[in-house]
């Protein structure tokens, strides 16, 4: 396994990490969740990503039970949570969602109870909250830091302007600024990470923990032009974009071309797509999910493929995905 610093912080994170969105406490049983985490950890993965909104807190509960069962040295792994969506779903009452000081405070403590941990390594603002002043959220995060409840805080799917505003507020008030952002990044979704955030990497030392490096399965080759309509109807909640048939067919042709490149390079198309994400030095870690051990092992092998992505191969990839 390879490791990178989280932006300009001193925290080292594995370039490939394991997330639990759509899997833990939902589509896989708790025993399999434990097996996947154990194998990932044994292969050098040290970051496990989660959020209060993943199955209304159920994902964090399962992950916490696994951590207690494994009894790993706390110094050897990192755990994250995210605050914004709450755990009540559509039944949420006022103050059970968002980034107010009240919800940020209560969400952090609720996550700690579910994880059965004393502190979170990373705590993300899962989305921007237009109804709460950024200064309020920054002060709330800083308070959790000073209390030792979290070690680093950041954002997810915030614009560069919003991140910069939070950073400026923190610096002007001698508070700890956001360290990392969790954006979507894959061969289909590049603009924000490669262009919009570009000034932030040097100016504020922003790190990234990217999600959906396989574009919700599109870049694994499991969909094709013939079966996409039927498969899309069965897509899980949160993957509704698969139903955009006209756009999907265009993307599938790109994936087919990428599959040929991957085969010639001696890897699967999923491994090539993951390695491509990790090739970007601004990606601190790529979060991948798994529903079985075969899938996890294949994903983990993508780290070994990084050195195969030489200049000619990268040029071939970018001809398909300009």
Foldseek 3Di string as FASTA:
>chain_A
DDWDDQFPDPDIFPQAAAEQACAQPHPADLVQVLVLVVVCVVLPGAEYEEECQRQLNRRLLSQLVSCVVVVDDPVRHAYEYEFFCARPHPPDDPPRGHQALSNVVVRLVVSCVSNVHQAHAEYEHEAHHPVDDLLRNLVSVQVCCVVRRYPAYAYEPDFLVSLVVQQVSCVVVVGDHHAEYEYADFLVDHCRPPPRCVVVSPPPRYAYAYEDLCVLVLQQLPDALVCQCVVLVVDDPPNVVSNPNVVSNLVRVLSVQLQVLQVVLPAGSLLVGSLVVSLPSRHRHYYDYDNHDVVSVNNSCSVVCNVSCDPVSVVSSVVSRD
